[in-house]
Amino acid sequence: MTLVNASNAMMKVLQDWGVKNVYGLPGGSFDSTMNALHDFRETIRYIGVRHEEVGALAAAAEAKLTGKIGVTFGSAGPGAVHLLNGLYDARHDHAPVLALIGQVATPLMNMDYFQELPENPIFADVAVYNRTVTTAEQLPDVIDTAIRHAYERRGVAVVVIPRDLGWTKITDGYISSANSYAQPEWTLGARIADVEKTLDLISAAARPIIYFGRGADGAAAELRELSELMQLPLMSTYLAKGILPDDYPGYMISTGRVSTKPGTDVGKSADLILFIGTNYEFGTAMFDPEASFIDVNLDATAIGARHATVLGIRADGPEFLRQLLAAARARECARENHAGWYLSALEDKRDWDSWIAAQSVDTRVPVRIPPVFAEINRIAAVDAVFGVDVGNINIETARFLHMTEQRTMTTSALYATMGYGLPASIAAALVYPERQVWSLSGDGGFAMVAQDLATQALYHLRIINIVLTNRSLGFIEGEQDDQGQPHSGVELMDIDFARVAEGFGVRGITARTIPELRSALAEALDATEPILIDVKVTDDRLLPTEIYPLRRGDRPDFDEFVARYEASALRPFAETLADHGVVIS
C-alpha cells in the first residue's frame, strides 16, 4: 500500500469535498500543510493573505455566498488567535467554515514551548466541532468529520494539527464521506390548521405585514402574490435585501436604524407581523409593543426568541408561503380588507423614492451619499456582487444600493465586524470570476484591512473598491448624537487611500466631486485589475428614520428636525394613513 504524508491525505479529503480555495498565512507550525497545498496546487488554490483575520473573513464570506465550506488556517499561537474575529462572523451568520490550526510538535506540547498555546479552549465557544489530532492516522478522518459537522450544524469546525503529524507517513487508503453526505433540503410544511389560523389572524388584523429574512429565499413569487392578494406590505431584514427587487412597490425594505422611512413607518404602525425565516435581533424594539406576532421558522429555537407570539409555526419559509398562498386563493381573500393600509404604504414608499431621487442629483461639495450610490447603481452589472462593510455603509446600502434578484450582497450581519467588505470582495472575485465585484466600505472599516489590497493585486482580482471617507466613525457618532453625548473618540484623520492603494499595487483614484467620481467609475469599468476609488464625502448625518415621528406632534422640534435633514418634502405617515381612512392609536 502506498504511503503519503498525512497532510497530503488531508488535502485529498478537502479535494473530495470540493474545496477550491484555502485562505491563510504560513507559519513554521504549518509547513507540512503548505507543502501539501503546493502538491495540490492544480486543484486547490492557496490564497495568501496579509492578515489571518482577512483569511477567516474571506472563508466566511465564501461560505455565505456559495453555501459551501470555506477553509482558512492559522499557525500556532498568534496566527491562530488572529483567526477568531472572522470565525465569529461565520458563527453568528451560520456559515460552514473549517479552520485548520497549527500547533507545536507533539513532543513539545505542554512544555511552554515557543508559540505554544492551549488552542482548543480558545476556540471552544466559536466552534461546533473542536478537536486536536493526536496521531497522523487520525488526520484525514478528523478533517472529514469536521466538515460534516460544519455543514450539519451550520458553523465553524476547528482542527488543531501538531507540526510533526502532517509530515508523518500514513497509508494512502482513506475514503472520505463527501460522496455519501447529503445536505438536507428542508421542505417541512406547516400543519393545515396553523395555515388556516394564520389566515384568520391576518384577516382580523387592521394593519398586517409580512417581515421576512433569509429563510424566505426562493419565495419571491409567493411574497409578491400574497402582498397583492391580501394587501400586505412586505419588509425584510437587511440581510434579506435582494430576495425581492428594491423597486417592487409593496416592498418597504427594512426597519430599525439600518432602514428606510417607509420601512420604519410601516413597522411601527403594524398591528400584526408575520415573521418568515428570520431571527431579527431587534424584534423587541422596532415594532409596536402591542402588536401581535406570528413566527414561522425552520429553527425551533428561534421561534418566539425575540418577542411573544400569538402563533409559532415550525416550517420551511418558502414552503409555508406556498401553503399560505394556496389557502388564501381557496378562500378568495378580499383585497378590500386592508386596502387603505396597503395603499398608504405604497404612497409612503413613492414619496420616499421621490425624495431620494431629488437628493441623488445633488452636486454639492463635499459629496453627498445619495448621488454616490446613484452613480454606482448606474454602472453596476445586472449580476454584480457587493461585499459590504459595517457601519454607516449599512444604512447607505439599505437605502440607496439598488438590489435585484440577480445581484448578490454579503455583509457581517449579526456579528457586525468592521473590516468585512474587502475580504468578502476577495472571496467573491475568486468564486465568481465572471461577475463584477465591488467592495463598499467607510474609511473606518477599510483602514482595518487595507493591507490586503496587496492580496487583490497579487491574484489580479478584478474588484472595484469604493471607500467613502467622511473622517468619522459615523455610525457611533450618530449614537452619541441620539444620547445627547459629545462626540468622543469618533474623529478620524483623513487618509489618502488612493496613495495607499498605489503602494499596494492597486490603481488608486481620489474623487471629491460627482464628475470626478463619474470619471473614476468609467475607468473602473474598463479595468482588468483591482482599482480603488476614495470618495471624499460629507460627514453630515443621513436622516435617522428610526426617530422620524409618525405624527408631527410627536416631536416638539419637528420643523427643526426635518430642516436639519432636508426632509421637509416627506410626510409623517399618520397623515398618509388618514388620507386613506386608517387611524393609528
Protein backbone atom coordinates (compact mmCIF):
# COMPACT_ATOMS: atom_id res chain seq x y z
CA MET A 1 0.00 0.00 0.00
CA THR A 2 1.27 3.46 -0.94
CA LEU A 3 2.38 5.77 1.87
CA VAL A 4 1.77 9.54 1.83
CA ASN A 5 2.28 12.44 4.21
CA ALA A 6 -0.73 12.80 6.50
CA SER A 7 -1.09 16.41 5.32
CA ASN A 8 -1.46 15.15 1.74
CA ALA A 9 -4.11 12.69 2.87
CA MET A 10 -5.91 15.63 4.48
CA MET A 11 -5.69 17.59 1.24
CA LYS A 12 -7.32 14.72 -0.65
CA VAL A 13 -10.26 14.96 1.75
CA LEU A 14 -10.59 18.68 1.07
CA GLN A 15 -10.45 17.94 -2.65
CA ASP A 16 -13.21 15.33 -2.30
CA TRP A 17 -15.43 17.92 -0.60
CA GLY A 18 -14.97 20.34 -3.49
CA VAL A 19 -12.77 22.87 -1.69
CA LYS A 20 -11.30 25.30 -4.22
CA ASN A 21 -9.70 27.99 -2.02
CA VAL A 22 -7.78 27.87 1.25
CA TYR A 23 -7.06 31.25 2.88
CA GLY A 24 -4.18 31.77 5.27
CA LEU A 25 -0.69 32.95 6.15
CA PRO A 26 2.17 30.43 6.51
CA GLY A 27 3.95 29.71 9.77
CA GLY A 28 6.56 27.21 10.90
CA SER A 29 3.99 25.02 12.63
CA PHE A 30 2.05 24.75 9.38
CA ASP A 31 4.83 23.84 6.95
CA SER A 32 3.55 20.33 6.16
CA THR A 33 0.20 21.77 5.07
CA MET A 34 1.94 24.39 2.94
CA ASN A 35 3.87 21.55 1.31
CA ALA A 36 0.61 19.69 0.66
CA LEU A 37 -1.01 22.81 -0.78
CA HIS A 38 1.91 23.04 -3.19
CA ASP A 39 1.40 19.41 -4.20
CA PHE A 40 -2.34 20.01 -4.78
CA ARG A 41 -1.95 23.42 -6.41
CA GLU A 42 -3.68 22.28 -9.63
CA THR A 43 -7.00 21.67 -7.82
CA ILE A 44 -6.87 23.72 -4.59
CA ARG A 45 -5.73 27.33 -4.57
CA TYR A 46 -3.75 28.69 -1.67
CA ILE A 47 -4.78 32.33 -1.19
CA GLY A 48 -2.08 34.08 0.79
CA VAL A 49 -3.50 36.95 2.82
CA ARG A 50 -1.56 39.61 4.76
CA HIS A 51 -3.51 39.06 7.99
CA GLU A 52 -5.19 35.88 9.21
CA GLU A 53 -8.34 37.80 10.15
CA VAL A 54 -8.82 38.61 6.46
CA GLY A 55 -8.41 34.93 5.59
CA ALA A 56 -11.07 33.91 8.10
CA LEU A 57 -13.45 36.65 6.94
CA ALA A 58 -12.91 35.64 3.31
CA ALA A 59 -13.64 32.00 4.16
CA ALA A 60 -16.81 33.06 5.98
CA ALA A 61 -17.86 35.21 3.03
CA GLU A 62 -17.22 32.37 0.58
CA ALA A 63 -19.41 30.10 2.68
CA LYS A 64 -22.18 32.71 2.86
CA LEU A 65 -22.02 33.39 -0.88
CA THR A 66 -21.96 29.77 -2.02
CA GLY A 67 -23.37 27.68 0.82
CA LYS A 68 -20.23 25.52 0.56
CA ILE A 69 -17.50 25.01 3.13
CA GLY A 70 -14.99 27.84 3.48
CA VAL A 71 -11.48 26.93 4.62
CA THR A 72 -8.93 29.06 6.46
CA PHE A 73 -5.86 28.42 8.58
CA GLY A 74 -3.54 30.00 11.11
CA SER A 75 -0.22 28.84 12.51
CA ALA A 76 0.42 28.12 16.17
CA GLY A 77 -0.13 30.91 18.67
CA PRO A 78 -0.68 34.38 17.20
CA GLY A 79 -1.68 33.13 13.75
CA ALA A 80 -4.42 31.05 15.31
CA VAL A 81 -5.65 33.85 17.57
CA HIS A 82 -5.84 36.25 14.61
CA LEU A 83 -8.49 33.99 13.05
CA LEU A 84 -11.00 34.48 15.84
CA ASN A 85 -12.71 37.62 14.58
CA GLY A 86 -13.51 36.11 11.19
CA LEU A 87 -14.57 32.82 12.74
CA TYR A 88 -17.04 34.62 15.00
CA ASP A 89 -18.56 36.21 11.92
CA ALA A 90 -19.09 32.72 10.49
CA ARG A 91 -20.52 31.51 13.80
CA HIS A 92 -23.04 34.33 14.10
CA ASP A 93 -24.19 34.10 10.47
CA HIS A 94 -24.31 30.27 10.49
CA ALA A 95 -21.73 29.82 7.74
CA PRO A 96 -19.94 26.46 7.39
CA VAL A 97 -16.21 27.11 7.84
CA LEU A 98 -13.28 24.79 8.52
CA ALA A 99 -10.39 26.34 10.47
CA LEU A 100 -7.08 24.47 10.42
CA ILE A 101 -4.91 25.45 13.38
CA GLY A 102 -1.18 24.87 13.65
CA GLN A 103 0.36 23.56 16.86
CA VAL A 104 3.89 22.79 18.03
CA ALA A 105 5.16 19.24 17.55
CA THR A 106 3.68 16.62 19.87
CA PRO A 107 6.91 16.06 21.90
CA LEU A 108 6.91 19.77 22.71
CA MET A 109 3.27 20.19 23.65
CA ASN A 110 2.54 21.13 27.28
CA MET A 111 6.15 22.31 27.66
CA ASP A 112 5.59 26.09 27.38
CA TYR A 113 7.36 25.94 24.04
CA PHE A 114 7.74 28.84 21.60
CA GLN A 115 4.29 29.97 20.35
CA GLU A 116 2.53 27.11 22.14
CA LEU A 117 -0.99 27.83 23.39
CA PRO A 118 -3.76 25.58 24.70
CA GLU A 119 -5.70 26.15 21.48
CA ASN A 120 -8.83 24.07 21.94
CA PRO A 121 -10.11 26.18 24.87
CA ILE A 122 -9.53 29.33 22.80
CA PHE A 123 -11.88 28.05 20.09
CA ALA A 124 -14.37 26.29 22.36
CA ASP A 125 -17.03 28.99 22.13
CA VAL A 126 -16.75 29.75 18.42
CA ALA A 127 -16.74 26.15 17.19
CA VAL A 128 -19.41 23.50 16.71
CA TYR A 129 -16.62 20.92 16.40
CA ASN A 130 -13.22 21.37 18.08
CA ARG A 131 -10.54 18.68 18.08
CA THR A 132 -6.78 18.24 18.31
CA VAL A 133 -5.36 15.47 16.15
CA THR A 134 -3.21 13.10 18.26
CA THR A 135 -1.99 10.62 15.63
CA ALA A 136 -1.18 11.07 11.96
CA GLU A 137 -3.64 8.34 11.01
CA GLN A 138 -6.48 10.36 12.53
CA LEU A 139 -5.89 13.46 10.42
CA PRO A 140 -7.92 12.70 7.27
CA ASP A 141 -10.78 11.21 9.28
CA VAL A 142 -10.96 14.14 11.71
CA ILE A 143 -10.99 16.59 8.79
CA ASP A 144 -13.77 14.62 7.12
CA THR A 145 -15.80 14.58 10.33
CA ALA A 146 -15.17 18.28 10.91
CA ILE A 147 -16.57 19.20 7.51
CA ARG A 148 -19.71 17.14 8.13
CA HIS A 149 -20.25 18.93 11.43
CA ALA A 150 -19.70 22.35 9.86
CA TYR A 151 -22.36 21.63 7.24
CA GLU A 152 -24.86 19.91 9.51
CA ARG A 153 -24.59 22.41 12.36
CA ARG A 154 -24.02 25.46 10.15
CA GLY A 155 -20.95 26.71 11.92
CA VAL A 156 -17.22 26.61 12.49
CA ALA A 157 -15.26 23.37 12.76
CA VAL A 158 -11.76 23.65 14.24
CA VAL A 159 -9.00 21.08 13.82
CA VAL A 160 -5.67 21.60 15.61
CA ILE A 161 -2.75 19.87 13.87
CA PRO A 162 0.58 19.39 15.69
CA ARG A 163 3.53 20.18 13.45
CA ASP A 164 5.09 16.73 13.26
CA LEU A 165 1.93 14.81 12.41
CA GLY A 166 1.43 16.35 8.98
CA TRP A 167 4.84 15.07 7.89
CA THR A 168 4.23 11.53 9.18
CA LYS A 169 3.71 8.86 6.53
CA ILE A 170 0.39 7.02 6.61
CA THR A 171 -1.37 4.55 4.35
CA ASP A 172 -2.92 6.25 1.33
CA GLY A 173 -6.25 4.49 1.62
CA TYR A 174 -8.65 6.84 3.37
CA ILE A 175 -12.01 7.27 1.63
CA SER A 176 -13.88 10.42 2.63
CA SER A 177 -17.62 10.64 3.16
CA ALA A 178 -18.03 13.51 0.68
CA ASN A 179 -19.83 11.40 -1.92
CA SER A 180 -22.26 9.91 0.60
CA TYR A 181 -23.05 13.01 2.64
CA ALA A 182 -26.30 14.69 1.65
CA GLN A 183 -27.09 18.16 2.92
CA PRO A 184 -30.73 18.39 3.95
CA GLU A 185 -33.06 20.25 1.64
CA TRP A 186 -35.82 21.11 4.05
CA THR A 187 -39.35 21.32 2.75
CA LEU A 188 -41.07 20.92 6.09
CA GLY A 189 -44.58 22.26 5.72
CA ALA A 190 -46.87 23.62 8.40
CA ARG A 191 -49.96 21.95 9.78
CA ILE A 192 -53.03 22.92 7.79
CA ALA A 193 -54.70 24.17 10.97
CA ASP A 194 -51.81 26.58 11.56
CA VAL A 195 -52.01 27.86 7.98
CA GLU A 196 -55.73 28.48 8.37
CA LYS A 197 -55.24 30.18 11.73
CA THR A 198 -52.60 32.44 10.16
CA LEU A 199 -55.14 33.48 7.52
CA ASP A 200 -57.72 34.14 10.23
CA LEU A 201 -55.31 36.36 12.16
CA ILE A 202 -54.30 38.29 9.03
CA SER A 203 -57.92 38.83 8.03
CA ALA A 204 -58.84 40.04 11.51
CA ALA A 205 -55.92 42.46 11.74
CA ALA A 206 -56.21 46.08 10.64
CA ARG A 207 -52.59 46.63 9.65
CA PRO A 208 -50.79 43.33 8.95
CA ILE A 209 -47.38 42.94 7.32
CA ILE A 210 -45.02 40.16 6.26
CA TYR A 211 -41.49 40.53 7.61
CA PHE A 212 -39.09 38.03 6.06
CA GLY A 213 -35.47 37.03 6.44
CA ARG A 214 -33.04 34.85 4.53
CA GLY A 215 -35.24 31.91 5.40
CA ALA A 216 -37.65 33.13 2.69
CA ASP A 217 -35.02 32.93 -0.05
CA GLY A 218 -36.50 31.39 -3.18
CA ALA A 219 -40.05 32.56 -2.47
CA ALA A 220 -40.07 35.92 -4.26
CA ALA A 221 -43.06 34.99 -6.43
CA GLU A 222 -45.10 33.86 -3.44
CA LEU A 223 -44.26 37.01 -1.49
CA ARG A 224 -45.37 39.20 -4.38
CA GLU A 225 -48.64 37.39 -4.93
CA LEU A 226 -49.52 37.31 -1.23
CA SER A 227 -48.74 41.02 -0.96
CA GLU A 228 -51.10 41.86 -3.81
CA LEU A 229 -53.80 39.31 -3.00
CA MET A 230 -54.13 40.18 0.69
CA GLN A 231 -52.87 43.79 0.52
CA LEU A 232 -49.91 43.12 2.78
CA PRO A 233 -46.87 45.42 2.84
CA LEU A 234 -43.61 43.47 2.75
CA MET A 235 -40.47 44.14 4.77
CA SER A 236 -37.26 42.23 5.36
CA THR A 237 -34.12 42.06 7.39
CA TYR A 238 -31.17 43.90 5.88
CA LEU A 239 -29.53 40.56 5.11
CA ALA A 240 -32.55 39.51 3.02
CA LYS A 241 -32.31 42.58 0.80
CA GLY A 242 -32.20 41.24 -2.75
CA ILE A 243 -34.72 38.41 -2.36
CA LEU A 244 -37.16 40.92 -3.84
CA PRO A 245 -36.03 43.79 -6.06
CA ASP A 246 -35.93 47.09 -4.21
CA ASP A 247 -38.26 48.69 -6.74
CA TYR A 248 -41.14 46.28 -6.08
CA PRO A 249 -43.89 48.69 -4.90
CA GLY A 250 -45.05 46.59 -1.95
CA TYR A 251 -41.54 46.08 -0.53
CA MET A 252 -40.66 48.67 2.13
CA ILE A 253 -37.15 47.20 2.56
CA SER A 254 -36.20 47.30 6.27
CA THR A 255 -36.92 48.81 9.65
CA GLY A 256 -34.76 49.91 12.57
CA ARG A 257 -31.65 52.02 12.24
CA VAL A 258 -30.49 50.31 9.04
CA SER A 259 -33.72 51.21 7.34
CA THR A 260 -35.85 53.27 5.02
CA LYS A 261 -38.56 55.68 6.17
CA PRO A 262 -41.41 53.56 4.73
CA GLY A 263 -39.92 50.51 6.41
CA THR A 264 -39.78 52.24 9.77
CA ASP A 265 -43.23 53.81 9.35
CA VAL A 266 -44.93 50.57 8.39
CA GLY A 267 -43.07 48.57 11.03
CA LYS A 268 -44.07 50.95 13.82
CA SER A 269 -47.70 51.09 12.67
CA ALA A 270 -48.37 47.40 12.03
CA ASP A 271 -50.66 45.56 14.42
CA LEU A 272 -49.79 42.06 13.14
CA ILE A 273 -46.34 40.96 11.98
CA LEU A 274 -45.91 37.64 10.19
CA PHE A 275 -42.24 36.71 10.61
CA ILE A 276 -40.94 34.33 7.94
CA GLY A 277 -37.49 32.77 8.30
CA THR A 278 -35.89 35.40 10.49
CA ASN A 279 -34.50 35.73 13.98
CA TYR A 280 -34.41 39.53 13.79
CA GLU A 281 -32.33 40.63 16.74
CA PHE A 282 -34.16 43.93 17.22
CA GLY A 283 -37.59 42.32 17.08
CA THR A 284 -38.50 43.57 20.54
CA ALA A 285 -37.63 47.20 19.87
CA MET A 286 -38.66 48.16 16.34
CA PHE A 287 -42.37 47.34 16.34
CA ASP A 288 -45.44 48.44 18.27
CA PRO A 289 -45.21 46.64 21.64
CA GLU A 290 -48.95 45.98 21.40
CA ALA A 291 -48.62 44.26 18.01
CA SER A 292 -49.22 40.54 17.60
CA PHE A 293 -46.58 38.24 16.10
CA ILE A 294 -46.79 35.04 14.10
CA ASP A 295 -43.35 33.42 13.92
CA VAL A 296 -42.56 30.89 11.19
CA ASN A 297 -39.09 29.36 11.29
CA LEU A 298 -37.43 26.06 10.49
CA ASP A 299 -35.25 26.51 13.58
CA ALA A 300 -37.47 25.79 16.56
CA THR A 301 -35.08 27.59 18.92
CA ALA A 302 -35.69 30.87 17.04
CA ILE A 303 -39.49 30.81 17.33
CA GLY A 304 -40.55 33.39 19.90
CA ALA A 305 -36.94 34.15 20.80
CA ARG A 306 -37.29 37.89 20.15
CA HIS A 307 -40.92 38.58 21.10
CA ALA A 308 -44.08 36.97 22.43
CA THR A 309 -46.10 35.24 19.71
CA VAL A 310 -49.77 34.51 19.21
CA LEU A 311 -48.76 31.63 16.95
CA GLY A 312 -45.45 29.84 16.46
CA ILE A 313 -45.02 27.55 13.47
CA ARG A 314 -42.07 25.31 12.69
CA ALA A 315 -41.86 25.16 8.91
CA ASP A 316 -39.66 25.93 5.94
CA GLY A 317 -40.25 29.55 4.91
CA PRO A 318 -40.88 29.11 1.16
CA GLU A 319 -43.00 26.01 1.73
CA PHE A 320 -45.14 27.82 4.30
CA LEU A 321 -45.61 30.76 1.94
CA ARG A 322 -46.76 28.38 -0.78
CA GLN A 323 -49.24 26.83 1.64
CA LEU A 324 -50.48 30.23 2.78
CA LEU A 325 -50.90 31.43 -0.79
CA ALA A 326 -52.87 28.33 -1.77
CA ALA A 327 -55.15 28.75 1.24
CA ALA A 328 -55.65 32.46 0.51
CA ARG A 329 -56.60 31.67 -3.08
CA ALA A 330 -59.03 29.00 -1.94
CA ARG A 331 -60.71 31.45 0.42
CA GLU A 332 -60.78 34.13 -2.28
CA CYS A 333 -59.41 36.59 0.27
CA ALA A 334 -60.73 40.06 -0.46
CA ARG A 335 -58.29 42.85 -1.17
CA GLU A 336 -60.62 45.37 0.43
CA ASN A 337 -59.80 44.07 3.93
CA HIS A 338 -56.57 46.05 4.11
CA ALA A 339 -56.79 48.31 1.07
CA GLY A 340 -56.39 51.62 2.92
CA TRP A 341 -53.44 50.30 4.88
CA TYR A 342 -51.75 48.88 1.79
CA LEU A 343 -52.31 51.98 -0.34
CA SER A 344 -50.88 54.14 2.45
CA ALA A 345 -47.72 52.04 2.49
CA LEU A 346 -47.37 52.26 -1.29
CA GLU A 347 -47.79 56.03 -1.19
CA ASP A 348 -45.27 56.36 1.64
CA LYS A 349 -42.74 54.45 -0.43
CA ARG A 350 -43.42 56.55 -3.54
CA ASP A 351 -42.85 59.72 -1.52
CA TRP A 352 -39.60 58.29 -0.16
CA ASP A 353 -38.39 57.24 -3.61
CA SER A 354 -39.17 60.70 -4.99
CA TRP A 355 -37.26 62.34 -2.14
CA ILE A 356 -34.23 60.10 -2.75
CA ALA A 357 -34.38 60.81 -6.48
CA ALA A 358 -34.20 64.54 -5.75
CA GLN A 359 -31.24 64.01 -3.41
CA SER A 360 -29.45 61.86 -5.96
CA VAL A 361 -28.76 64.80 -8.29
CA ASP A 362 -27.14 66.87 -5.53
CA THR A 363 -23.75 68.15 -6.72
CA ARG A 364 -22.60 69.93 -3.56
CA VAL A 365 -19.10 69.50 -2.20
CA PRO A 366 -18.24 67.66 -0.02
CA VAL A 367 -20.07 64.95 -1.92
CA ARG A 368 -23.40 63.71 -0.54
CA ILE A 369 -24.11 59.99 -0.21
CA PRO A 370 -27.23 59.60 -2.44
CA PRO A 371 -25.52 60.79 -5.66
CA VAL A 372 -22.59 58.44 -4.98
CA PHE A 373 -24.94 55.47 -4.99
CA ALA A 374 -26.84 56.83 -7.97
CA GLU A 375 -23.57 56.58 -9.89
CA ILE A 376 -22.84 53.08 -8.55
CA ASN A 377 -26.35 51.91 -9.46
CA ARG A 378 -25.94 53.39 -12.93
CA ILE A 379 -22.92 51.27 -13.84
CA ALA A 380 -23.25 48.18 -11.61
CA ALA A 381 -23.73 45.00 -13.60
CA VAL A 382 -27.09 43.28 -13.54
CA ASP A 383 -25.49 40.40 -11.59
CA ALA A 384 -22.96 42.40 -9.57
CA VAL A 385 -21.70 41.08 -6.23
CA PHE A 386 -21.23 43.52 -3.34
CA GLY A 387 -19.03 42.91 -0.31
CA VAL A 388 -20.41 45.42 2.20
CA ASP A 389 -18.53 46.57 5.29
CA VAL A 390 -20.10 47.53 8.62
CA GLY A 391 -21.10 50.96 9.89
CA ASN A 392 -22.85 53.80 8.10
CA ILE A 393 -22.27 51.83 4.91
CA ASN A 394 -25.09 49.50 6.00
CA ILE A 395 -27.58 52.37 6.32
CA GLU A 396 -26.41 53.71 2.98
CA THR A 397 -26.67 50.42 1.11
CA ALA A 398 -30.05 49.64 2.70
CA ARG A 399 -31.45 52.90 1.34
CA PHE A 400 -29.54 53.65 -1.83
CA LEU A 401 -27.93 50.50 -3.29
CA HIS A 402 -30.40 49.09 -5.78
CA MET A 403 -30.63 45.33 -5.33
CA THR A 404 -32.35 42.92 -7.68
CA GLU A 405 -32.90 39.18 -7.62
CA GLN A 406 -29.82 38.77 -9.85
CA ARG A 407 -27.45 40.80 -7.67
CA THR A 408 -25.78 39.46 -4.54
CA MET A 409 -24.83 41.25 -1.35
CA THR A 410 -22.93 39.91 1.65
CA THR A 411 -22.10 41.58 4.94
CA SER A 412 -21.31 40.75 8.54
CA ALA A 413 -24.86 40.68 9.83
CA LEU A 414 -25.33 39.63 13.44
CA TYR A 415 -21.67 39.83 14.48
CA ALA A 416 -21.23 43.07 12.53
CA THR A 417 -17.47 43.31 12.41
CA MET A 418 -15.89 46.28 10.72
CA GLY A 419 -13.42 45.35 8.00
CA TYR A 420 -15.66 42.79 6.28
CA GLY A 421 -16.07 44.38 2.85
CA LEU A 422 -12.57 43.91 1.44
CA PRO A 423 -12.16 40.23 2.49
CA ALA A 424 -15.66 39.47 1.19
CA SER A 425 -14.76 41.01 -2.17
CA ILE A 426 -11.67 38.77 -2.38
CA ALA A 427 -13.83 35.69 -1.85
CA ALA A 428 -16.46 36.91 -4.31
CA ALA A 429 -13.90 37.57 -7.04
CA LEU A 430 -12.47 34.08 -6.59
CA VAL A 431 -15.75 32.18 -6.64
CA TYR A 432 -17.44 34.38 -9.27
CA PRO A 433 -14.60 35.39 -11.63
CA GLU A 434 -17.06 36.16 -14.42
CA ARG A 435 -19.11 38.62 -12.34
CA GLN A 436 -18.50 42.25 -11.44
CA VAL A 437 -17.37 42.51 -7.80
CA TRP A 438 -17.48 45.55 -5.52
CA SER A 439 -16.07 46.27 -2.07
CA LEU A 440 -18.06 49.01 -0.31
CA SER A 441 -16.61 50.49 2.90
CA GLY A 442 -16.32 53.54 5.04
CA ASP A 443 -12.89 54.84 5.95
CA GLY A 444 -13.11 53.37 9.45
CA GLY A 445 -13.71 49.78 8.39
CA PHE A 446 -11.46 49.88 5.37
CA ALA A 447 -8.42 51.05 7.34
CA MET A 448 -8.62 47.87 9.44
CA VAL A 449 -7.87 45.60 6.47
CA ALA A 450 -6.32 47.88 3.85
CA GLN A 451 -3.12 45.82 3.77
CA ASP A 452 -4.97 43.11 1.86
CA LEU A 453 -5.26 45.29 -1.17
CA ALA A 454 -1.96 43.52 -1.77
CA THR A 455 -3.87 40.22 -1.94
CA GLN A 456 -6.20 41.65 -4.57
CA ALA A 457 -3.18 42.80 -6.56
CA LEU A 458 -1.22 39.56 -6.15
CA TYR A 459 -4.04 37.44 -7.58
CA HIS A 460 -5.10 40.03 -10.19
CA LEU A 461 -8.64 40.14 -8.83
CA ARG A 462 -10.94 42.46 -10.72
CA ILE A 463 -12.53 44.34 -7.82
CA ILE A 464 -13.92 47.87 -7.62
CA ASN A 465 -13.11 49.15 -4.12
CA ILE A 466 -15.19 52.13 -3.01
CA VAL A 467 -14.10 53.89 0.18
CA LEU A 468 -16.43 56.60 1.48
CA THR A 469 -14.16 58.85 3.53
CA ASN A 470 -16.04 61.08 5.96
CA ARG A 471 -13.24 61.22 8.56
CA SER A 472 -15.52 59.82 11.26
CA LEU A 473 -16.82 56.65 12.83
CA GLY A 474 -20.19 57.90 11.66
CA PHE A 475 -22.40 55.12 12.99
CA ILE A 476 -21.10 55.63 16.52
CA GLU A 477 -21.21 59.40 16.09
CA GLY A 478 -24.93 59.07 15.36
CA GLU A 479 -25.45 57.01 18.51
CA GLN A 480 -23.68 59.68 20.54
CA ASP A 481 -25.93 62.32 18.97
CA ASP A 482 -29.05 60.35 19.90
CA GLN A 483 -27.86 60.05 23.50
CA GLY A 484 -27.01 63.74 23.76
CA GLN A 485 -23.33 62.94 24.23
CA PRO A 486 -20.37 64.95 22.98
CA HIS A 487 -18.53 63.41 20.05
CA SER A 488 -15.86 61.37 21.79
CA GLY A 489 -13.29 59.21 20.03
CA VAL A 490 -15.08 59.18 16.68
CA GLU A 491 -12.98 61.64 14.70
CA LEU A 492 -10.59 60.06 12.18
CA MET A 493 -7.66 61.54 10.32
CA ASP A 494 -8.08 61.91 6.57
CA ILE A 495 -6.13 59.09 4.91
CA ASP A 496 -5.13 59.33 1.27
CA PHE A 497 -6.41 55.88 0.37
CA ALA A 498 -5.59 56.37 -3.31
CA ARG A 499 -1.89 56.68 -2.46
CA VAL A 500 -2.18 53.77 -0.03
CA ALA A 501 -3.67 51.65 -2.82
CA GLU A 502 -0.88 52.58 -5.21
CA GLY A 503 1.63 51.46 -2.61
CA PHE A 504 -0.02 48.05 -2.55
CA GLY A 505 -0.04 47.76 -6.33
CA VAL A 506 -3.66 48.79 -6.87
CA ARG A 507 -4.76 51.68 -9.06
CA GLY A 508 -5.99 54.46 -6.75
CA ILE A 509 -8.16 57.47 -7.57
CA THR A 510 -9.50 60.23 -5.33
CA ALA A 511 -12.92 61.72 -6.14
CA ARG A 512 -14.01 64.96 -4.50
CA THR A 513 -16.88 65.79 -6.86
CA ILE A 514 -19.54 63.81 -8.67
CA PRO A 515 -17.94 64.46 -12.09
CA GLU A 516 -14.65 63.13 -10.70
CA LEU A 517 -16.47 60.06 -9.36
CA ARG A 518 -18.18 59.52 -12.70
CA SER A 519 -14.82 59.63 -14.47
CA ALA A 520 -13.24 57.24 -11.95
CA LEU A 521 -16.09 54.74 -12.32
CA ALA A 522 -15.73 54.85 -16.09
CA GLU A 523 -12.09 53.86 -15.65
CA ALA A 524 -13.10 51.14 -13.20
CA LEU A 525 -15.47 49.61 -15.74
CA ASP A 526 -12.60 49.13 -18.17
CA ALA A 527 -10.10 47.90 -15.58
CA THR A 528 -8.88 44.31 -15.64
CA GLU A 529 -7.12 44.62 -12.26
CA PRO A 530 -8.32 45.86 -8.85
CA ILE A 531 -9.00 49.56 -8.53
CA LEU A 532 -9.78 51.79 -5.53
CA ILE A 533 -11.83 54.99 -5.57
CA ASP A 534 -11.57 57.12 -2.43
CA VAL A 535 -14.68 59.31 -2.38
CA LYS A 536 -14.38 62.26 -0.01
CA VAL A 537 -17.92 62.61 1.36
CA THR A 538 -19.67 64.85 3.84
CA ASP A 539 -19.90 63.91 7.49
CA ASP A 540 -23.49 65.20 7.60
CA ARG A 541 -25.68 62.52 9.10
CA LEU A 542 -28.32 60.86 6.97
CA LEU A 543 -31.94 61.22 8.09
CA PRO A 544 -32.30 58.96 11.15
CA THR A 545 -35.52 57.29 10.08
CA GLU A 546 -35.75 55.30 13.29
CA ILE A 547 -36.57 58.53 15.17
CA TYR A 548 -38.63 60.20 12.45
CA PRO A 549 -42.07 60.62 14.08
CA LEU A 550 -45.29 59.07 12.83
CA ARG A 551 -47.06 62.37 13.62
CA ARG A 552 -45.85 65.95 13.58
CA GLY A 553 -46.93 66.41 17.17
CA ASP A 554 -44.76 63.52 18.37
CA ARG A 555 -41.73 65.82 18.21
CA PRO A 556 -41.96 69.37 19.57
CA ASP A 557 -38.95 70.21 17.38
CA PHE A 558 -40.43 68.63 14.23
CA ASP A 559 -39.77 71.62 11.96
CA GLU A 560 -36.17 71.94 13.12
CA PHE A 561 -35.68 68.17 12.80
CA VAL A 562 -36.82 67.95 9.18
CA ALA A 563 -34.94 71.13 8.28
CA ARG A 564 -31.72 69.71 9.67
CA TYR A 565 -32.03 66.63 7.46
CA GLU A 566 -33.52 68.45 4.46
CA ALA A 567 -36.60 66.25 4.76
CA SER A 568 -39.44 68.77 4.54
CA ALA A 569 -40.76 67.04 1.41
CA LEU A 570 -41.53 63.91 3.41
CA ARG A 571 -44.86 63.48 5.21
CA PRO A 572 -45.43 61.91 8.60
CA PHE A 573 -47.02 58.53 7.95
CA ALA A 574 -50.07 59.21 10.12
CA GLU A 575 -51.14 61.88 7.64
CA THR A 576 -50.89 59.47 4.71
CA LEU A 577 -52.83 56.86 6.67
CA ALA A 578 -55.55 59.40 7.48
CA ASP A 579 -55.92 60.19 3.77
CA HIS A 580 -56.88 56.54 3.27
CA GLY A 581 -59.16 56.30 6.29
CA VAL A 582 -56.72 54.45 8.55
CA VAL A 583 -56.29 55.59 12.14
CA ILE A 584 -53.48 54.53 14.46
CA SER A 585 -53.55 54.95 18.22
